[in-house]
Amino acid sequence: MLPDPLSYSGIYCPTRSLFQVFKDACPKDAICKLDIVFDDIPERYYKPSEDLRQFHSVKTGRGPFAEGWRETQRPIMCSYKMVAVSFEVYGFQTRVEHWVHKNIRDILLIG
């Protein structure tokens, strides 16, 4: 069972992922993993000073990130986001739902 689509509530799952909590409502092919380093972001939001492929942290010594960075870098922070879109208008449903999911993905990448 999903939360009400018009409300937001935080769910804290220290030992389980959000997808295990809502396993009946989450189809396997709907999971989208984001790579904050190598996934393309919209050009209008790109800033060379924030590009993780070029950034090096003096404080932690990490970076710049290379291909396969998730296997070599520790610690890694993991964040689960579940987005449920339901737009039930004949002729527009699929198009609007895809548009919302694409924009949510861009928002999560831009941060």
PDB file of N, CA and C in Angstrom:
ATOM      1  N   MET A   1       0.833  -1.178   0.000  1.00  0.00           N
ATOM      2  CA  MET A   1       0.000   0.000   0.000  1.00  0.00           C
ATOM      3  C   MET A   1       0.879   1.243   0.000  1.00  0.00           C
ATOM      4  N   LEU A   2       0.611   2.170  -0.904  1.00  0.00           N
ATOM      5  CA  LEU A   2       1.374   3.407  -1.014  1.00  0.00           C
ATOM      6  C   LEU A   2       0.750   4.498  -0.150  1.00  0.00           C
ATOM      7  N   PRO A   3       1.580   5.461   0.282  1.00  0.00           N
ATOM      8  CA  PRO A   3       1.020   6.601   0.996  1.00  0.00           C
ATOM      9  C   PRO A   3       0.125   7.417   0.065  1.00  0.00           C
ATOM     10  N   ASP A   4      -0.731   8.244   0.636  1.00  0.00           N
ATOM     11  CA  ASP A   4      -1.605   9.121  -0.134  1.00  0.00           C
ATOM     12  C   ASP A   4      -0.759   9.966  -1.072  1.00  0.00           C
ATOM     13  N   PRO A   5      -1.054  10.008  -2.395  1.00  0.00           N
ATOM     14  CA  PRO A   5      -0.203  10.736  -3.345  1.00  0.00           C
ATOM     15  C   PRO A   5      -0.182  12.246  -3.138  1.00  0.00           C
ATOM     16  N   LEU A   6      -1.121  12.777  -2.387  1.00  0.00           N
ATOM     17  CA  LEU A   6      -1.138  14.216  -2.153  1.00  0.00           C
ATOM     18  C   LEU A   6      -0.497  14.612  -0.832  1.00  0.00           C
ATOM     19  N   SER A   7       0.072  13.658  -0.133  1.00  0.00           N
ATOM     20  CA  SER A   7       0.729  13.981   1.133  1.00  0.00           C
ATOM     21  C   SER A   7       2.151  13.440   1.117  1.00  0.00           C
ATOM     22  N   TYR A   8       2.956  13.989   1.979  1.00  0.00           N
ATOM     23  CA  TYR A   8       4.347  13.540   2.090  1.00  0.00           C
ATOM     24  C   TYR A   8       4.590  13.125   3.518  1.00  0.00           C
ATOM     25  N   SER A   9       5.222  11.990   3.675  1.00  0.00           N
ATOM     26  CA  SER A   9       5.631  11.592   5.017  1.00  0.00           C
ATOM     27  C   SER A   9       6.957  10.864   4.900  1.00  0.00           C
ATOM     28  N   GLY A  10       7.841  11.138   5.812  1.00  0.00           N
ATOM     29  CA  GLY A  10       9.137  10.482   5.808  1.00  0.00           C
ATOM     30  C   GLY A  10       9.025   9.103   6.415  1.00  0.00           C
ATOM     31  N   ILE A  11       9.737   8.172   5.838  1.00  0.00           N
ATOM     32  CA  ILE A  11       9.740   6.808   6.355  1.00  0.00           C
ATOM     33  C   ILE A  11      11.192   6.448   6.635  1.00  0.00           C
ATOM     34  N   TYR A  12      11.489   6.142   7.882  1.00  0.00           N
ATOM     35  CA  TYR A  12      12.850   5.802   8.276  1.00  0.00           C
ATOM     36  C   TYR A  12      12.976   4.286   8.337  1.00  0.00           C
ATOM     37  N   CYS A  13      13.868   3.730   7.555  1.00  0.00           N
ATOM     38  CA  CYS A  13      14.058   2.278   7.485  1.00  0.00           C
ATOM     39  C   CYS A  13      15.524   1.975   7.724  1.00  0.00           C
ATOM     40  N   PRO A  14      15.970   1.879   8.955  1.00  0.00           N
ATOM     41  CA  PRO A  14      17.406   1.705   9.209  1.00  0.00           C
ATOM     42  C   PRO A  14      17.981   0.378   8.719  1.00  0.00           C
ATOM     43  N   THR A  15      17.167  -0.684   8.670  1.00  0.00           N
ATOM     44  CA  THR A  15      17.715  -1.984   8.274  1.00  0.00           C
ATOM     45  C   THR A  15      17.162  -2.488   6.959  1.00  0.00           C
ATOM     46  N   ARG A  16      16.179  -1.799   6.402  1.00  0.00           N
ATOM     47  CA  ARG A  16      15.568  -2.247   5.158  1.00  0.00           C
ATOM     48  C   ARG A  16      15.505  -1.082   4.183  1.00  0.00           C
ATOM     49  N   SER A  17      15.452  -1.414   2.905  1.00  0.00           N
ATOM     50  CA  SER A  17      15.277  -0.356   1.923  1.00  0.00           C
ATOM     51  C   SER A  17      13.802  -0.022   1.795  1.00  0.00           C
ATOM     52  N   LEU A  18      13.535   1.124   1.258  1.00  0.00           N
ATOM     53  CA  LEU A  18      12.164   1.563   1.046  1.00  0.00           C
ATOM     54  C   LEU A  18      11.431   0.601   0.119  1.00  0.00           C
ATOM     55  N   PHE A  19      12.157  -0.034  -0.785  1.00  0.00           N
ATOM     56  CA  PHE A  19      11.543  -0.952  -1.744  1.00  0.00           C
ATOM     57  C   PHE A  19      11.104  -2.247  -1.079  1.00  0.00           C
ATOM     58  N   GLN A  20      11.718  -2.601   0.051  1.00  0.00           N
ATOM     59  CA  GLN A  20      11.268  -3.782   0.788  1.00  0.00           C
ATOM     60  C   GLN A  20      10.005  -3.465   1.585  1.00  0.00           C
ATOM     61  N   VAL A  21       9.873  -2.228   2.049  1.00  0.00           N
ATOM     62  CA  VAL A  21       8.686  -1.825   2.790  1.00  0.00           C
ATOM     63  C   VAL A  21       7.465  -1.841   1.884  1.00  0.00           C
ATOM     64  N   PHE A  22       7.607  -1.337   0.646  1.00  0.00           N
ATOM     65  CA  PHE A  22       6.501  -1.280  -0.311  1.00  0.00           C
ATOM     66  C   PHE A  22       6.711  -2.266  -1.456  1.00  0.00           C
ATOM     67  N   LYS A  23       7.151  -3.491  -1.164  1.00  0.00           N
ATOM     68  CA  LYS A  23       7.516  -4.434  -2.220  1.00  0.00           C
ATOM     69  C   LYS A  23       6.358  -4.800  -3.144  1.00  0.00           C
ATOM     70  N   ASP A  24       5.120  -4.782  -2.657  1.00  0.00           N
ATOM     71  CA  ASP A  24       3.982  -5.110  -3.517  1.00  0.00           C
ATOM     72  C   ASP A  24       3.657  -3.983  -4.485  1.00  0.00           C
ATOM     73  N   ALA A  25       3.994  -2.750  -4.135  1.00  0.00           N
ATOM     74  CA  ALA A  25       3.642  -1.605  -4.965  1.00  0.00           C
ATOM     75  C   ALA A  25       4.760  -1.175  -5.904  1.00  0.00           C
ATOM     76  N   CYS A  26       5.905  -1.827  -5.855  1.00  0.00           N
ATOM     77  CA  CYS A  26       7.058  -1.392  -6.647  1.00  0.00           C
ATOM     78  C   CYS A  26       7.454  -2.466  -7.656  1.00  0.00           C
ATOM     79  N   PRO A  27       7.097  -2.291  -8.917  1.00  0.00           N
ATOM     80  CA  PRO A  27       7.526  -3.270  -9.920  1.00  0.00           C
ATOM     81  C   PRO A  27       9.041  -3.256 -10.084  1.00  0.00           C
ATOM     82  N   LYS A  28       9.602  -4.404 -10.337  1.00  0.00           N
ATOM     83  CA  LYS A  28      11.065  -4.554 -10.435  1.00  0.00           C
ATOM     84  C   LYS A  28      11.666  -3.668 -11.526  1.00  0.00           C
ATOM     85  N   ASP A  29      10.986  -3.520 -12.661  1.00  0.00           N
ATOM     86  CA  ASP A  29      11.542  -2.748 -13.765  1.00  0.00           C
ATOM     87  C   ASP A  29      11.389  -1.242 -13.576  1.00  0.00           C
ATOM     88  N   ALA A  30      10.748  -0.809 -12.514  1.00  0.00           N
ATOM     89  CA  ALA A  30      10.544   0.623 -12.286  1.00  0.00           C
ATOM     90  C   ALA A  30      11.640   1.240 -11.425  1.00  0.00           C
ATOM     91  N   ILE A  31      12.578   0.443 -10.961  1.00  0.00           N
ATOM     92  CA  ILE A  31      13.657   0.972 -10.127  1.00  0.00           C
ATOM     93  C   ILE A  31      14.693   1.633 -11.025  1.00  0.00           C
ATOM     94  N   CYS A  32      15.028   2.880 -10.714  1.00  0.00           N
ATOM     95  CA  CYS A  32      15.964   3.657 -11.512  1.00  0.00           C
ATOM     96  C   CYS A  32      17.134   4.060 -10.619  1.00  0.00           C
ATOM     97  N   LYS A  33      18.307   3.548 -10.895  1.00  0.00           N
ATOM     98  CA  LYS A  33      19.486   3.907 -10.109  1.00  0.00           C
ATOM     99  C   LYS A  33      20.160   5.110 -10.755  1.00  0.00           C
ATOM    100  N   LEU A  34      20.457   6.115  -9.945  1.00  0.00           N
ATOM    101  CA  LEU A  34      21.089   7.329 -10.442  1.00  0.00           C
ATOM    102  C   LEU A  34      22.570   7.324 -10.108  1.00  0.00           C
ATOM    103  N   ASP A  35      23.379   7.726 -11.053  1.00  0.00           N
ATOM    104  CA  ASP A  35      24.814   7.897 -10.845  1.00  0.00           C
ATOM    105  C   ASP A  35      25.067   9.395 -10.844  1.00  0.00           C
ATOM    106  N   ILE A  36      25.352   9.960  -9.660  1.00  0.00           N
ATOM    107  CA  ILE A  36      25.491  11.407  -9.539  1.00  0.00           C
ATOM    108  C   ILE A  36      26.701  11.955 -10.290  1.00  0.00           C
ATOM    109  N   VAL A  37      27.603  11.082 -10.702  1.00  0.00           N
ATOM    110  CA  VAL A  37      28.797  11.536 -11.418  1.00  0.00           C
ATOM    111  C   VAL A  37      28.605  11.473 -12.931  1.00  0.00           C
ATOM    112  N   PHE A  38      28.116  10.359 -13.457  1.00  0.00           N
ATOM    113  CA  PHE A  38      28.136  10.147 -14.898  1.00  0.00           C
ATOM    114  C   PHE A  38      26.784  10.230 -15.595  1.00  0.00           C
ATOM    115  N   ASP A  39      25.684  10.352 -14.865  1.00  0.00           N
ATOM    116  CA  ASP A  39      24.400  10.553 -15.532  1.00  0.00           C
ATOM    117  C   ASP A  39      24.325  11.989 -16.039  1.00  0.00           C
ATOM    118  N   ASP A  40      23.790  12.141 -17.239  1.00  0.00           N
ATOM    119  CA  ASP A  40      23.683  13.475 -17.832  1.00  0.00           C
ATOM    120  C   ASP A  40      22.624  14.295 -17.113  1.00  0.00           C
ATOM    121  N   ILE A  41      22.946  15.565 -16.881  1.00  0.00           N
ATOM    122  CA  ILE A  41      21.970  16.493 -16.325  1.00  0.00           C
ATOM    123  C   ILE A  41      21.619  17.495 -17.420  1.00  0.00           C
ATOM    124  N   PRO A  42      20.466  18.143 -17.312  1.00  0.00           N
ATOM    125  CA  PRO A  42      20.114  19.132 -18.339  1.00  0.00           C
ATOM    126  C   PRO A  42      21.189  20.216 -18.445  1.00  0.00           C
ATOM    127  N   GLU A  43      21.505  20.601 -19.670  1.00  0.00           N
ATOM    128  CA  GLU A  43      22.592  21.549 -19.929  1.00  0.00           C
ATOM    129  C   GLU A  43      22.425  22.876 -19.199  1.00  0.00           C
ATOM    130  N   ARG A  44      21.190  23.319 -19.042  1.00  0.00           N
ATOM    131  CA  ARG A  44      20.960  24.617 -18.390  1.00  0.00           C
ATOM    132  C   ARG A  44      21.344  24.605 -16.904  1.00  0.00           C
ATOM    133  N   TYR A  45      21.474  23.403 -16.306  1.00  0.00           N
ATOM    134  CA  TYR A  45      21.839  23.304 -14.890  1.00  0.00           C
ATOM    135  C   TYR A  45      23.310  22.937 -14.678  1.00  0.00           C
ATOM    136  N   TYR A  46      24.033  22.647 -15.756  1.00  0.00           N
ATOM    137  CA  TYR A  46      25.426  22.214 -15.617  1.00  0.00           C
ATOM    138  C   TYR A  46      26.321  23.373 -15.197  1.00  0.00           C
ATOM    139  N   LYS A  47      27.140  23.119 -14.161  1.00  0.00           N
ATOM    140  CA  LYS A  47      28.140  24.098 -13.714  1.00  0.00           C
ATOM    141  C   LYS A  47      29.476  23.372 -13.615  1.00  0.00           C
ATOM    142  N   PRO A  48      30.486  23.819 -14.346  1.00  0.00           N
ATOM    143  CA  PRO A  48      31.791  23.138 -14.297  1.00  0.00           C
ATOM    144  C   PRO A  48      32.369  23.057 -12.881  1.00  0.00           C
ATOM    145  N   SER A  49      32.075  24.040 -12.039  1.00  0.00           N
ATOM    146  CA  SER A  49      32.611  24.028 -10.670  1.00  0.00           C
ATOM    147  C   SER A  49      31.983  22.929  -9.813  1.00  0.00           C
ATOM    148  N   GLU A  50      30.824  22.395 -10.234  1.00  0.00           N
ATOM    149  CA  GLU A  50      30.144  21.345  -9.479  1.00  0.00           C
ATOM    150  C   GLU A  50      30.265  19.975 -10.152  1.00  0.00           C
ATOM    151  N   ASP A  51      31.055  19.877 -11.212  1.00  0.00           N
ATOM    152  CA  ASP A  51      31.204  18.616 -11.937  1.00  0.00           C
ATOM    153  C   ASP A  51      32.076  17.663 -11.115  1.00  0.00           C
ATOM    154  N   LEU A  52      31.489  16.553 -10.672  1.00  0.00           N
ATOM    155  CA  LEU A  52      32.214  15.601  -9.825  1.00  0.00           C
ATOM    156  C   LEU A  52      33.290  14.829 -10.574  1.00  0.00           C
ATOM    157  N   ARG A  53      33.297  14.914 -11.908  1.00  0.00           N
ATOM    158  CA  ARG A  53      34.374  14.286 -12.676  1.00  0.00           C
ATOM    159  C   ARG A  53      35.646  15.115 -12.622  1.00  0.00           C
ATOM    160  N   GLN A  54      35.529  16.384 -12.176  1.00  0.00           N
ATOM    161  CA  GLN A  54      36.688  17.272 -12.100  1.00  0.00           C
ATOM    162  C   GLN A  54      36.984  17.751 -10.677  1.00  0.00           C
ATOM    163  N   PHE A  55      36.010  17.641  -9.773  1.00  0.00           N
ATOM    164  CA  PHE A  55      36.149  18.171  -8.429  1.00  0.00           C
ATOM    165  C   PHE A  55      37.028  17.282  -7.556  1.00  0.00           C
ATOM    166  N   HIS A  56      37.912  17.908  -6.770  1.00  0.00           N
ATOM    167  CA  HIS A  56      38.751  17.194  -5.802  1.00  0.00           C
ATOM    168  C   HIS A  56      38.590  17.861  -4.449  1.00  0.00           C
ATOM    169  N   SER A  57      38.216  17.076  -3.443  1.00  0.00           N
ATOM    170  CA  SER A  57      38.044  17.606  -2.094  1.00  0.00           C
ATOM    171  C   SER A  57      39.380  17.620  -1.369  1.00  0.00           C
ATOM    172  N   VAL A  58      39.794  18.790  -0.971  1.00  0.00           N
ATOM    173  CA  VAL A  58      41.042  18.919  -0.217  1.00  0.00           C
ATOM    174  C   VAL A  58      40.859  18.330   1.180  1.00  0.00           C
ATOM    175  N   LYS A  59      39.691  18.547   1.753  1.00  0.00           N
ATOM    176  CA  LYS A  59      39.404  18.107   3.118  1.00  0.00           C
ATOM    177  C   LYS A  59      39.399  16.586   3.263  1.00  0.00           C
ATOM    178  N   THR A  60      38.734  15.875   2.339  1.00  0.00           N
ATOM    179  CA  THR A  60      38.627  14.415   2.453  1.00  0.00           C
ATOM    180  C   THR A  60      39.607  13.669   1.560  1.00  0.00           C
ATOM    181  N   GLY A  61      40.161  14.355   0.555  1.00  0.00           N
ATOM    182  CA  GLY A  61      41.081  13.705  -0.370  1.00  0.00           C
ATOM    183  C   GLY A  61      40.392  12.894  -1.443  1.00  0.00           C
ATOM    184  N   ARG A  62      39.073  12.965  -1.524  1.00  0.00           N
ATOM    185  CA  ARG A  62      38.337  12.209  -2.540  1.00  0.00           C
ATOM    186  C   ARG A  62      38.174  13.027  -3.811  1.00  0.00           C
ATOM    187  N   GLY A  63      38.079  12.282  -4.920  1.00  0.00           N
ATOM    188  CA  GLY A  63      37.832  12.922  -6.203  1.00  0.00           C
ATOM    189  C   GLY A  63      39.128  13.168  -6.932  1.00  0.00           C
ATOM    190  N   PRO A  64      39.048  13.530  -8.179  1.00  0.00           N
ATOM    191  CA  PRO A  64      37.864  13.461  -9.014  1.00  0.00           C
ATOM    192  C   PRO A  64      37.454  12.012  -9.237  1.00  0.00           C
ATOM    193  N   PHE A  65      36.175  11.801  -9.441  1.00  0.00           N
ATOM    194  CA  PHE A  65      35.640  10.453  -9.584  1.00  0.00           C
ATOM    195  C   PHE A  65      35.861   9.940 -11.001  1.00  0.00           C
ATOM    196  N   ALA A  66      36.200   8.670 -11.088  1.00  0.00           N
ATOM    197  CA  ALA A  66      36.419   8.011 -12.380  1.00  0.00           C
ATOM    198  C   ALA A  66      35.336   6.959 -12.585  1.00  0.00           C
ATOM    199  N   GLU A  67      35.255   6.431 -13.783  1.00  0.00           N
ATOM    200  CA  GLU A  67      34.289   5.371 -14.082  1.00  0.00           C
ATOM    201  C   GLU A  67      34.484   4.224 -13.088  1.00  0.00           C
ATOM    202  N   GLY A  68      33.391   3.693 -12.556  1.00  0.00           N
ATOM    203  CA  GLY A  68      33.463   2.622 -11.563  1.00  0.00           C
ATOM    204  C   GLY A  68      33.715   3.124 -10.154  1.00  0.00           C
ATOM    205  N   TRP A  69      33.452   4.386  -9.898  1.00  0.00           N
ATOM    206  CA  TRP A  69      33.745   5.002  -8.601  1.00  0.00           C
ATOM    207  C   TRP A  69      32.980   4.355  -7.455  1.00  0.00           C
ATOM    208  N   ARG A  70      31.802   3.789  -7.720  1.00  0.00           N
ATOM    209  CA  ARG A  70      31.017   3.188  -6.638  1.00  0.00           C
ATOM    210  C   ARG A  70      31.681   1.934  -6.067  1.00  0.00           C
ATOM    211  N   GLU A  71      32.508   1.265  -6.839  1.00  0.00           N
ATOM    212  CA  GLU A  71      33.188   0.071  -6.350  1.00  0.00           C
ATOM    213  C   GLU A  71      34.453   0.410  -5.573  1.00  0.00           C
ATOM    214  N   THR A  72      35.002   1.615  -5.777  1.00  0.00           N
ATOM    215  CA  THR A  72      36.282   1.945  -5.153  1.00  0.00           C
ATOM    216  C   THR A  72      36.187   2.967  -4.023  1.00  0.00           C
ATOM    217  N   GLN A  73      35.141   3.758  -3.972  1.00  0.00           N
ATOM    218  CA  GLN A  73      35.033   4.821  -2.975  1.00  0.00           C
ATOM    219  C   GLN A  73      34.260   4.354  -1.746  1.00  0.00           C
ATOM    220  N   ARG A  74      34.746   4.684  -0.566  1.00  0.00           N
ATOM    221  CA  ARG A  74      34.065   4.410   0.692  1.00  0.00           C
ATOM    222  C   ARG A  74      34.235   5.618   1.581  1.00  0.00           C
ATOM    223  N   PRO A  75      33.270   6.047   2.319  1.00  0.00           N
ATOM    224  CA  PRO A  75      31.924   5.507   2.449  1.00  0.00           C
ATOM    225  C   PRO A  75      31.025   5.990   1.322  1.00  0.00           C
ATOM    226  N   ILE A  76      29.938   5.294   1.138  1.00  0.00           N
ATOM    227  CA  ILE A  76      28.937   5.662   0.124  1.00  0.00           C
ATOM    228  C   ILE A  76      27.627   5.921   0.843  1.00  0.00           C
ATOM    229  N   MET A  77      26.994   7.031   0.510  1.00  0.00           N
ATOM    230  CA  MET A  77      25.685   7.327   1.066  1.00  0.00           C
ATOM    231  C   MET A  77      24.631   6.850   0.078  1.00  0.00           C
ATOM    232  N   CYS A  78      23.621   6.198   0.583  1.00  0.00           N
ATOM    233  CA  CYS A  78      22.553   5.674  -0.256  1.00  0.00           C
ATOM    234  C   CYS A  78      21.251   6.342   0.166  1.00  0.00           C
ATOM    235  N   SER A  79      20.498   6.781  -0.808  1.00  0.00           N
ATOM    236  CA  SER A  79      19.225   7.443  -0.539  1.00  0.00           C
ATOM    237  C   SER A  79      18.154   6.831  -1.411  1.00  0.00           C
ATOM    238  N   TYR A  80      17.067   6.390  -0.791  1.00  0.00           N
ATOM    239  CA  TYR A  80      15.958   5.798  -1.534  1.00  0.00           C
ATOM    240  C   TYR A  80      14.842   6.817  -1.653  1.00  0.00           C
ATOM    241  N   LYS A  81      14.323   6.966  -2.846  1.00  0.00           N
ATOM    242  CA  LYS A  81      13.181   7.841  -3.100  1.00  0.00           C
ATOM    243  C   LYS A  81      12.140   7.025  -3.851  1.00  0.00           C
ATOM    244  N   MET A  82      10.914   7.076  -3.378  1.00  0.00           N
ATOM    245  CA  MET A  82       9.843   6.392  -4.084  1.00  0.00           C
ATOM    246  C   MET A  82       8.879   7.443  -4.605  1.00  0.00           C
ATOM    247  N   VAL A  83       8.647   7.412  -5.901  1.00  0.00           N
ATOM    248  CA  VAL A  83       7.758   8.377  -6.548  1.00  0.00           C
ATOM    249  C   VAL A  83       6.599   7.599  -7.160  1.00  0.00           C
ATOM    250  N   ALA A  84       5.402   7.958  -6.768  1.00  0.00           N
ATOM    251  CA  ALA A  84       4.205   7.335  -7.341  1.00  0.00           C
ATOM    252  C   ALA A  84       3.432   8.414  -8.087  1.00  0.00           C
ATOM    253  N   VAL A  85       3.173   8.165  -9.365  1.00  0.00           N
ATOM    254  CA  VAL A  85       2.457   9.124 -10.193  1.00  0.00           C
ATOM    255  C   VAL A  85       1.201   8.440 -10.722  1.00  0.00           C
ATOM    256  N   SER A  86       0.090   9.101 -10.551  1.00  0.00           N
ATOM    257  CA  SER A  86      -1.165   8.588 -11.081  1.00  0.00           C
ATOM    258  C   SER A  86      -1.933   9.746 -11.702  1.00  0.00           C
ATOM    259  N   PHE A  87      -2.028   9.717 -13.015  1.00  0.00           N
ATOM    260  CA  PHE A  87      -2.734  10.760 -13.756  1.00  0.00           C
ATOM    261  C   PHE A  87      -3.744  10.046 -14.642  1.00  0.00           C
ATOM    262  N   GLU A  88      -4.953   9.987 -14.211  1.00  0.00           N
ATOM    263  CA  GLU A  88      -5.957   9.160 -14.873  1.00  0.00           C
ATOM    264  C   GLU A  88      -6.856   9.980 -15.789  1.00  0.00           C
ATOM    265  N   VAL A  89      -6.281  10.450 -16.876  1.00  0.00           N
ATOM    266  CA  VAL A  89      -7.042  11.154 -17.906  1.00  0.00           C
ATOM    267  C   VAL A  89      -6.744  10.455 -19.228  1.00  0.00           C
ATOM    268  N   TYR A  90      -7.774   9.926 -19.842  1.00  0.00           N
ATOM    269  CA  TYR A  90      -7.599   9.152 -21.066  1.00  0.00           C
ATOM    270  C   TYR A  90      -6.881   9.986 -22.143  1.00  0.00           C
ATOM    271  N   GLY A  91      -5.860   9.391 -22.733  1.00  0.00           N
ATOM    272  CA  GLY A  91      -5.120  10.045 -23.801  1.00  0.00           C
ATOM    273  C   GLY A  91      -3.879  10.786 -23.316  1.00  0.00           C
ATOM    274  N   PHE A  92      -3.851  11.137 -22.043  1.00  0.00           N
ATOM    275  CA  PHE A  92      -2.711  11.890 -21.499  1.00  0.00           C
ATOM    276  C   PHE A  92      -1.954  11.123 -20.423  1.00  0.00           C
ATOM    277  N   GLN A  93      -2.519  10.053 -19.905  1.00  0.00           N
ATOM    278  CA  GLN A  93      -1.968   9.370 -18.742  1.00  0.00           C
ATOM    279  C   GLN A  93      -0.504   8.985 -18.900  1.00  0.00           C
ATOM    280  N   THR A  94      -0.175   8.217 -19.921  1.00  0.00           N
ATOM    281  CA  THR A  94       1.201   7.741 -20.095  1.00  0.00           C
ATOM    282  C   THR A  94       2.162   8.896 -20.315  1.00  0.00           C
ATOM    283  N   ARG A  95       1.782   9.831 -21.156  1.00  0.00           N
ATOM    284  CA  ARG A  95       2.656  10.955 -21.471  1.00  0.00           C
ATOM    285  C   ARG A  95       2.960  11.798 -20.224  1.00  0.00           C
ATOM    286  N   VAL A  96       1.948  12.110 -19.440  1.00  0.00           N
ATOM    287  CA  VAL A  96       2.141  12.935 -18.238  1.00  0.00           C
ATOM    288  C   VAL A  96       2.941  12.173 -17.193  1.00  0.00           C
ATOM    289  N   GLU A  97       2.645  10.903 -16.987  1.00  0.00           N
ATOM    290  CA  GLU A  97       3.380  10.123 -15.995  1.00  0.00           C
ATOM    291  C   GLU A  97       4.860  10.012 -16.362  1.00  0.00           C
ATOM    292  N   HIS A  98       5.182   9.790 -17.632  1.00  0.00           N
ATOM    293  CA  HIS A  98       6.590   9.741 -18.066  1.00  0.00           C
ATOM    294  C   HIS A  98       7.258  11.099 -17.874  1.00  0.00           C
ATOM    295  N   TRP A  99       6.553  12.178 -18.182  1.00  0.00           N
ATOM    296  CA  TRP A  99       7.101  13.521 -18.028  1.00  0.00           C
ATOM    297  C   TRP A  99       7.419  13.813 -16.556  1.00  0.00           C
ATOM    298  N   VAL A 100       6.517  13.439 -15.653  1.00  0.00           N
ATOM    299  CA  VAL A 100       6.742  13.664 -14.219  1.00  0.00           C
ATOM    300  C   VAL A 100       7.946  12.860 -13.738  1.00  0.00           C
ATOM    301  N   HIS A 101       8.028  11.593 -14.125  1.00  0.00           N
ATOM    302  CA  HIS A 101       9.163  10.763 -13.697  1.00  0.00           C
ATOM    303  C   HIS A 101      10.487  11.304 -14.231  1.00  0.00           C
ATOM    304  N   LYS A 102      10.518  11.779 -15.472  1.00  0.00           N
ATOM    305  CA  LYS A 102      11.741  12.347 -16.036  1.00  0.00           C
ATOM    306  C   LYS A 102      12.168  13.593 -15.260  1.00  0.00           C
ATOM    307  N   ASN A 103      11.210  14.439 -14.927  1.00  0.00           N
ATOM    308  CA  ASN A 103      11.545  15.656 -14.192  1.00  0.00           C
ATOM    309  C   ASN A 103      11.962  15.380 -12.757  1.00  0.00           C
ATOM    310  N   ILE A 104      11.360  14.403 -12.115  1.00  0.00           N
ATOM    311  CA  ILE A 104      11.784  14.013 -10.763  1.00  0.00           C
ATOM    312  C   ILE A 104      13.217  13.500 -10.809  1.00  0.00           C
ATOM    313  N   ARG A 105      13.548  12.713 -11.822  1.00  0.00           N
ATOM    314  CA  ARG A 105      14.912  12.192 -11.978  1.00  0.00           C
ATOM    315  C   ARG A 105      15.907  13.348 -12.130  1.00  0.00           C
ATOM    316  N   ASP A 106      15.563  14.336 -12.960  1.00  0.00           N
ATOM    317  CA  ASP A 106      16.440  15.493 -13.140  1.00  0.00           C
ATOM    318  C   ASP A 106      16.606  16.269 -11.833  1.00  0.00           C
ATOM    319  N   ILE A 107      15.526  16.450 -11.094  1.00  0.00           N
ATOM    320  CA  ILE A 107      15.595  17.162  -9.806  1.00  0.00           C
ATOM    321  C   ILE A 107      16.520  16.429  -8.835  1.00  0.00           C
ATOM    322  N   LEU A 108      16.429  15.112  -8.785  1.00  0.00           N
ATOM    323  CA  LEU A 108      17.288  14.346  -7.876  1.00  0.00           C
ATOM    324  C   LEU A 108      18.751  14.408  -8.299  1.00  0.00           C
ATOM    325  N   LEU A 109      19.029  14.461  -9.596  1.00  0.00           N
ATOM    326  CA  LEU A 109      20.408  14.571 -10.053  1.00  0.00           C
ATOM    327  C   LEU A 109      21.004  15.951  -9.779  1.00  0.00           C
ATOM    328  N   ILE A 110      20.192  16.983  -9.943  1.00  0.00           N
ATOM    329  CA  ILE A 110      20.679  18.348  -9.756  1.00  0.00           C
ATOM    330  C   ILE A 110      20.891  18.635  -8.280  1.00  0.00           C
ATOM    331  N   GLY A 111      20.025  18.083  -7.461  1.00  0.00           N
ATOM    332  CA  GLY A 111      20.124  18.244  -6.009  1.00  0.00           C
ATOM    333  C   GLY A 111      19.644  19.566  -5.594  1.00  0.00           C
TER     334      GLY A 111
END
